[in-house]
Amino acid sequence: MDTSLGRSYERCRELHRRHGRTYYLATRLLPAWKRRHVHALYGFTRYADEIVDQTDELPPERRAARLADWSDRFLAGLAGAPVDDPLLPAVLHTIAVFDLDRADFAAFLRSMAMDLTVTSYPRYADLLDYMDGSAAAIGTMMLPILGSVDPDAAREPARQLGFAFQLTNFIRDVAEDLERGRLYLPAEDLATFDVTHADLVAAAGRRAVTPRIRELIEYEVDRARKHYLAAAPGVTLLAPASQSCIRTAYVLYGGILDEVAAAGYDVFARRAVVPRRRRAAVVARALLTPTGTPVVVPGSRPEVWRGNSCGGTPDRDHRSTTQPTATP
């Protein structure tokens, strides 16, 4: 590997290490030759996200121009043009090595552009349309790198895991997203629980939920757990050398939901994180788990975490059920 390509992979790895601690930890369980390719995909997605989110001092049209310029350079690189960029050579090399589907990258960039103009979502179907590019596409980008004994069967679980991870982030980061002028909880859900956008802003300011907001967050946690359930069969379809990595990421991200539940669904008092000692225990357990062992869906074994409910999709009369869900 030439030195410029090596530097590009290293830049992606450093972005991953600094900004994706949970997933970076899980990635260390992959064979060494696969890790740099995962770092490349993370670096690509993180850098695009930074253009959208980390330049708040710029007006949306300037950020849109930056994203369009970077996207054009990426597309030119895909077409074989020389690329003068510290990060793109690694992702272009990874795409070539694994013949990754270019449509996934187009879908991802489309969703990033949406973040510059769309600040809320009326229905869950609208949010799913956004997450199709921002989350599900990343799952299918990753699949060829991880390897699978049955790629066709593993494709939808990979998409579902992308949905599950991103919904987990949306639930945990409600206050942070509100500060950026965005809300990823669908308006129809807020209406179901008689919660307004102003109610959420006020709760973020108080750093405490109201009873109605608590019910809303519980509803979203239950919804996310359904995606984890749908994703679960895909872990055992992965190549044996990749299962401990994704098992670790699955349990740690799912553990964030359990921490939210343990805090009484108050996502404003503090940021939900899985404690460091528990993270280490999850990694050790994943290394010792035999290949092919099914993963435990978040919330379905309360004794493992401090969290409580893992109900099915709640309605207005049955929001606090503790029955385990059955599918992601």
Protein backbone atom coordinates (compact mmCIF):
# COMPACT_ATOMS: atom_id res chain seq x y z
CA MET A 1 0.00 0.00 0.00
CA ASP A 2 1.44 3.39 -0.99
CA THR A 3 2.13 5.96 1.68
CA SER A 4 -0.68 8.37 0.68
CA LEU A 5 -3.25 5.57 0.84
CA GLY A 6 -1.85 4.46 4.17
CA ARG A 7 -2.19 8.01 5.52
CA SER A 8 -5.77 8.14 4.30
CA TYR A 9 -6.65 4.93 6.13
CA GLU A 10 -4.94 6.26 9.24
CA ARG A 11 -6.96 9.47 9.08
CA CYS A 12 -10.16 7.42 8.90
CA ARG A 13 -9.01 5.28 11.82
CA GLU A 14 -8.34 8.37 13.91
CA LEU A 15 -11.79 9.78 13.16
CA HIS A 16 -13.27 6.45 14.20
CA ARG A 17 -11.23 6.29 17.38
CA ARG A 18 -12.17 9.83 18.46
CA HIS A 19 -15.83 9.90 17.54
CA GLY A 20 -17.14 6.34 17.44
CA ARG A 21 -15.91 4.87 20.71
CA THR A 22 -18.46 2.07 20.99
CA TYR A 23 -18.13 0.92 17.42
CA TYR A 24 -14.36 1.43 17.42
CA LEU A 25 -14.11 -0.87 20.42
CA ALA A 26 -16.18 -3.50 18.62
CA THR A 27 -14.12 -3.12 15.43
CA ARG A 28 -10.97 -4.09 17.32
CA LEU A 29 -12.42 -7.62 17.51
CA LEU A 30 -12.25 -7.99 13.73
CA PRO A 31 -9.27 -9.57 11.95
CA ALA A 32 -6.63 -6.88 11.44
CA TRP A 33 -6.98 -6.85 7.65
CA LYS A 34 -10.68 -5.98 7.86
CA ARG A 35 -10.39 -3.17 10.39
CA ARG A 36 -8.97 -0.53 8.06
CA HIS A 37 -11.92 -1.00 5.68
CA VAL A 38 -14.41 -0.48 8.49
CA HIS A 39 -12.45 2.61 9.55
CA ALA A 40 -12.68 3.88 5.95
CA LEU A 41 -16.47 3.60 5.88
CA TYR A 42 -16.75 5.22 9.29
CA GLY A 43 -14.43 8.02 8.20
CA PHE A 44 -16.49 8.65 5.08
CA THR A 45 -19.78 8.83 6.95
CA ARG A 46 -18.34 10.82 9.85
CA TYR A 47 -16.74 13.44 7.63
CA ALA A 48 -19.98 14.00 5.71
CA ASP A 49 -21.81 14.28 9.03
CA GLU A 50 -19.26 16.84 10.23
CA ILE A 51 -19.84 19.00 7.16
CA VAL A 52 -23.54 19.03 8.02
CA ASP A 53 -23.33 19.28 11.82
CA GLN A 54 -19.98 20.63 12.94
CA THR A 55 -20.01 23.86 10.92
CA ASP A 56 -23.02 25.44 12.59
CA GLU A 57 -21.50 28.89 12.24
CA LEU A 58 -22.05 28.62 8.49
CA PRO A 59 -25.48 29.17 6.93
CA PRO A 60 -27.17 26.06 5.47
CA GLU A 61 -26.44 27.12 1.89
CA ARG A 62 -22.69 27.26 2.62
CA ARG A 63 -22.79 23.85 4.25
CA ALA A 64 -24.80 22.52 1.32
CA ALA A 65 -22.14 23.83 -1.05
CA ARG A 66 -19.38 22.16 0.97
CA LEU A 67 -21.25 18.86 1.00
CA ALA A 68 -21.96 19.09 -2.74
CA ASP A 69 -18.28 19.85 -3.48
CA TRP A 70 -17.07 16.92 -1.39
CA SER A 71 -19.71 14.63 -2.92
CA ASP A 72 -18.62 15.67 -6.41
CA ARG A 73 -14.99 14.86 -5.60
CA PHE A 74 -16.07 11.48 -4.26
CA LEU A 75 -18.14 10.72 -7.38
CA ALA A 76 -15.26 11.83 -9.60
CA GLY A 77 -12.99 9.46 -7.70
CA LEU A 78 -15.45 6.63 -8.26
CA ALA A 79 -15.26 7.39 -11.98
CA GLY A 80 -11.48 7.06 -11.85
CA ALA A 81 -10.40 10.69 -11.60
CA PRO A 82 -7.43 11.55 -9.35
CA VAL A 83 -8.62 12.70 -5.92
CA ASP A 84 -6.84 15.37 -3.90
CA ASP A 85 -8.36 14.65 -0.50
CA PRO A 86 -6.83 13.27 2.72
CA LEU A 87 -9.73 10.90 3.42
CA LEU A 88 -11.36 9.79 0.16
CA PRO A 89 -8.56 7.52 -1.16
CA ALA A 90 -9.23 5.02 1.64
CA VAL A 91 -12.96 4.77 1.02
CA LEU A 92 -12.48 4.59 -2.75
CA HIS A 93 -9.97 1.78 -2.26
CA THR A 94 -12.36 -0.06 0.07
CA ILE A 95 -15.22 0.28 -2.44
CA ALA A 96 -12.98 -1.16 -5.15
CA VAL A 97 -11.67 -4.04 -3.02
CA PHE A 98 -15.15 -5.23 -2.04
CA ASP A 99 -17.08 -3.98 -5.10
CA LEU A 100 -19.46 -2.15 -2.77
CA ASP A 101 -22.80 -1.02 -4.14
CA ARG A 102 -22.47 2.60 -5.27
CA ALA A 103 -26.21 3.10 -4.71
CA ASP A 104 -25.65 2.82 -0.94
CA PHE A 105 -23.27 5.78 -1.05
CA ALA A 106 -25.67 7.84 -3.16
CA ALA A 107 -28.46 7.09 -0.66
CA PHE A 108 -26.23 8.10 2.23
CA LEU A 109 -25.24 11.42 0.65
CA ARG A 110 -28.90 12.13 -0.14
CA SER A 111 -29.80 11.73 3.54
CA MET A 112 -26.93 13.97 4.60
CA ALA A 113 -28.25 16.66 2.25
CA MET A 114 -31.71 16.26 3.82
CA ASP A 115 -30.23 17.21 7.20
CA LEU A 116 -29.50 20.67 5.81
CA THR A 117 -33.14 21.41 5.02
CA VAL A 118 -35.36 18.96 6.92
CA THR A 119 -35.67 19.60 10.65
CA SER A 120 -38.56 17.30 11.60
CA TYR A 121 -40.51 14.30 10.34
CA PRO A 122 -44.32 14.08 10.32
CA ARG A 123 -44.58 10.28 10.38
CA TYR A 124 -42.35 7.33 11.16
CA ALA A 125 -42.52 6.39 7.47
CA ASP A 126 -40.88 9.74 6.66
CA LEU A 127 -38.14 9.11 9.20
CA LEU A 128 -37.56 5.63 7.77
CA ASP A 129 -37.08 7.20 4.35
CA TYR A 130 -34.32 9.37 5.79
CA MET A 131 -32.77 6.46 7.72
CA ASP A 132 -32.81 4.29 4.60
CA GLY A 133 -29.78 6.29 3.49
CA SER A 134 -28.31 7.42 6.78
CA ALA A 135 -28.48 4.04 8.54
CA ALA A 136 -29.74 1.05 6.53
CA ALA A 137 -27.37 1.79 3.66
CA ILE A 138 -24.44 1.70 6.06
CA GLY A 139 -25.52 -1.77 7.17
CA THR A 140 -25.42 -3.02 3.58
CA MET A 141 -22.11 -1.22 2.90
CA MET A 142 -20.62 -3.14 5.81
CA LEU A 143 -21.95 -6.57 4.87
CA PRO A 144 -19.39 -7.47 2.16
CA ILE A 145 -16.54 -6.46 4.49
CA LEU A 146 -17.88 -8.53 7.37
CA GLY A 147 -18.66 -11.47 5.11
CA SER A 148 -21.65 -13.77 5.34
CA VAL A 149 -22.51 -17.40 4.76
CA ASP A 150 -25.76 -16.20 3.12
CA PRO A 151 -25.49 -12.58 1.94
CA ASP A 152 -29.04 -12.45 0.60
CA ALA A 153 -30.53 -13.59 3.91
CA ALA A 154 -28.20 -11.29 5.89
CA ARG A 155 -29.08 -8.15 3.91
CA GLU A 156 -32.34 -7.19 5.64
CA PRO A 157 -31.00 -7.89 9.17
CA ALA A 158 -28.03 -5.64 8.30
CA ARG A 159 -30.45 -2.88 7.31
CA GLN A 160 -32.46 -3.41 10.48
CA LEU A 161 -29.33 -3.13 12.60
CA GLY A 162 -28.61 0.21 10.95
CA PHE A 163 -32.12 1.38 11.87
CA ALA A 164 -31.68 0.09 15.43
CA PHE A 165 -28.35 1.84 16.00
CA GLN A 166 -29.55 5.16 14.59
CA LEU A 167 -32.82 5.13 16.53
CA THR A 168 -30.78 4.47 19.66
CA ASN A 169 -28.74 7.59 18.89
CA PHE A 170 -31.86 9.65 18.21
CA ILE A 171 -33.40 8.62 21.55
CA ARG A 172 -30.22 9.29 23.52
CA ASP A 173 -29.49 12.61 21.78
CA VAL A 174 -32.88 14.35 21.79
CA ALA A 175 -31.52 17.35 23.70
CA GLU A 176 -28.41 17.65 21.50
CA ASP A 177 -30.49 17.50 18.32
CA LEU A 178 -32.91 20.13 19.65
CA GLU A 179 -29.94 22.47 20.12
CA ARG A 180 -29.20 22.02 16.40
CA GLY A 181 -32.81 22.83 15.56
CA ARG A 182 -33.69 19.23 14.67
CA LEU A 183 -36.10 16.66 16.05
CA TYR A 184 -36.03 13.04 14.91
CA LEU A 185 -39.02 11.86 16.95
CA PRO A 186 -41.97 11.81 14.52
CA ALA A 187 -44.64 14.47 14.98
CA GLU A 188 -47.37 11.81 14.96
CA ASP A 189 -45.72 10.19 18.01
CA LEU A 190 -45.60 13.50 19.86
CA ALA A 191 -49.29 13.99 19.13
CA THR A 192 -50.13 10.50 20.39
CA PHE A 193 -48.65 11.37 23.79
CA ASP A 194 -49.85 15.00 23.87
CA VAL A 195 -46.28 16.31 23.73
CA THR A 196 -45.30 19.41 21.76
CA HIS A 197 -41.97 20.53 20.39
CA ALA A 198 -42.04 23.33 22.98
CA ASP A 199 -42.55 20.75 25.74
CA LEU A 200 -39.35 18.98 24.67
CA VAL A 201 -37.38 22.23 24.52
CA ALA A 202 -38.60 23.14 28.00
CA ALA A 203 -37.70 19.68 29.35
CA ALA A 204 -34.22 20.00 27.85
CA GLY A 205 -33.85 23.35 29.59
CA ARG A 206 -34.97 21.87 32.92
CA ARG A 207 -32.93 18.71 32.33
CA ALA A 208 -35.93 16.63 33.40
CA VAL A 209 -38.80 14.87 31.62
CA THR A 210 -42.51 15.20 32.26
CA PRO A 211 -44.71 12.10 32.64
CA ARG A 212 -45.97 12.44 29.06
CA ILE A 213 -42.45 12.80 27.65
CA ARG A 214 -41.42 9.76 29.69
CA GLU A 215 -44.18 7.74 27.98
CA LEU A 216 -43.10 9.05 24.58
CA ILE A 217 -39.48 8.00 25.12
CA GLU A 218 -40.57 4.57 26.36
CA TYR A 219 -42.57 4.19 23.15
CA GLU A 220 -39.53 5.04 21.03
CA VAL A 221 -37.33 2.63 23.02
CA ASP A 222 -39.82 -0.16 22.37
CA ARG A 223 -39.84 0.69 18.68
CA ALA A 224 -36.03 0.59 18.51
CA ARG A 225 -36.00 -2.79 20.26
CA LYS A 226 -38.18 -4.18 17.49
CA HIS A 227 -35.46 -3.28 15.00
CA TYR A 228 -32.87 -5.01 17.21
CA LEU A 229 -35.10 -8.07 17.24
CA ALA A 230 -35.34 -8.01 13.43
CA ALA A 231 -31.57 -7.63 13.18
CA ALA A 232 -30.73 -10.47 15.57
CA PRO A 233 -30.78 -13.36 13.06
CA GLY A 234 -28.19 -11.58 10.94
CA VAL A 235 -25.42 -11.85 13.53
CA THR A 236 -25.17 -15.63 13.20
CA LEU A 237 -25.23 -15.32 9.39
CA LEU A 238 -21.97 -13.37 9.42
CA ALA A 239 -18.58 -14.90 8.76
CA PRO A 240 -17.33 -16.48 12.00
CA ALA A 241 -14.43 -14.00 12.31
CA SER A 242 -16.88 -11.07 12.25
CA GLN A 243 -19.48 -12.30 14.72
CA SER A 244 -17.77 -11.16 17.93
CA CYS A 245 -17.41 -7.62 16.55
CA ILE A 246 -21.06 -7.20 15.61
CA ARG A 247 -22.23 -9.07 18.70
CA THR A 248 -20.33 -6.53 20.80
CA ALA A 249 -21.72 -3.53 18.91
CA TYR A 250 -25.24 -5.01 19.11
CA VAL A 251 -25.08 -5.51 22.87
CA LEU A 252 -23.41 -2.17 23.63
CA TYR A 253 -25.78 -0.07 21.52
CA GLY A 254 -28.72 -2.03 22.86
CA GLY A 255 -27.33 -1.40 26.32
CA ILE A 256 -27.80 2.33 25.77
CA LEU A 257 -31.54 1.70 25.52
CA ASP A 258 -31.40 -0.28 28.74
CA GLU A 259 -29.62 2.63 30.41
CA VAL A 260 -32.36 4.97 29.17
CA ALA A 261 -34.96 2.63 30.67
CA ALA A 262 -33.00 2.40 33.93
CA ALA A 263 -33.06 6.21 34.15
CA GLY A 264 -36.85 6.18 33.95
CA TYR A 265 -36.75 7.24 30.27
CA ASP A 266 -35.32 10.62 31.25
CA VAL A 267 -33.00 11.47 28.37
CA PHE A 268 -32.46 15.03 29.60
CA ALA A 269 -30.97 14.55 33.06
CA ARG A 270 -27.81 12.93 31.70
CA ARG A 271 -26.53 11.30 28.54
CA ALA A 272 -27.15 7.55 28.63
CA VAL A 273 -23.90 5.58 28.39
CA VAL A 274 -22.94 2.01 29.11
CA PRO A 275 -20.42 2.08 32.02
CA ARG A 276 -16.83 1.31 31.09
CA ARG A 277 -16.61 -1.78 33.28
CA ARG A 278 -19.69 -3.20 31.57
CA ARG A 279 -18.26 -2.44 28.15
CA ALA A 280 -15.18 -4.47 29.03
CA ALA A 281 -17.36 -7.33 30.25
CA VAL A 282 -19.33 -7.31 26.99
CA VAL A 283 -16.13 -7.53 24.94
CA ALA A 284 -14.85 -10.42 27.05
CA ARG A 285 -18.17 -12.23 26.80
CA ALA A 286 -18.27 -11.77 23.01
CA LEU A 287 -14.79 -13.28 22.66
CA LEU A 288 -15.84 -16.30 24.70
CA THR A 289 -19.20 -16.81 22.97
CA PRO A 290 -19.17 -19.70 20.49
CA THR A 291 -19.76 -18.81 16.85
CA GLY A 292 -23.41 -19.18 15.89
CA THR A 293 -24.79 -18.36 19.33
CA PRO A 294 -27.90 -16.14 18.99
CA VAL A 295 -27.66 -12.62 20.41
CA VAL A 296 -29.84 -11.48 23.29
CA VAL A 297 -32.29 -8.77 22.23
CA PRO A 298 -31.98 -5.60 24.35
CA GLY A 299 -34.37 -5.60 27.28
CA SER A 300 -35.32 -9.26 26.97
CA ARG A 301 -33.13 -10.30 29.91
CA PRO A 302 -33.57 -7.70 32.66
CA GLU A 303 -31.06 -9.43 34.90
CA VAL A 304 -28.25 -8.59 32.48
CA TRP A 305 -28.81 -4.83 32.68
CA ARG A 306 -30.47 -2.49 35.14
CA GLY A 307 -33.13 -1.65 32.54
CA ASN A 308 -36.73 -2.72 32.79
CA SER A 309 -39.38 -2.92 30.11
CA CYS A 310 -39.10 -4.31 26.62
CA GLY A 311 -42.71 -4.24 25.62
CA GLY A 312 -44.24 -4.52 22.18
CA THR A 313 -45.45 -1.39 20.43
CA PRO A 314 -47.46 0.30 23.17
CA ASP A 315 -50.83 1.93 22.73
CA ARG A 316 -52.27 4.61 24.93
CA ASP A 317 -53.65 2.05 27.38
CA HIS A 318 -50.76 -0.40 27.56
CA ARG A 319 -47.56 1.60 27.52
CA SER A 320 -45.91 -0.02 30.53
CA THR A 321 -46.12 -3.69 29.62
CA THR A 322 -42.97 -5.72 30.25
CA GLN A 323 -43.56 -8.51 27.77
CA PRO A 324 -40.50 -9.26 25.65
CA THR A 325 -40.75 -8.27 22.01
CA ALA A 326 -40.43 -10.91 19.40
CA THR A 327 -38.64 -9.50 16.36
CA PRO A 328 -36.38 -6.68 15.11
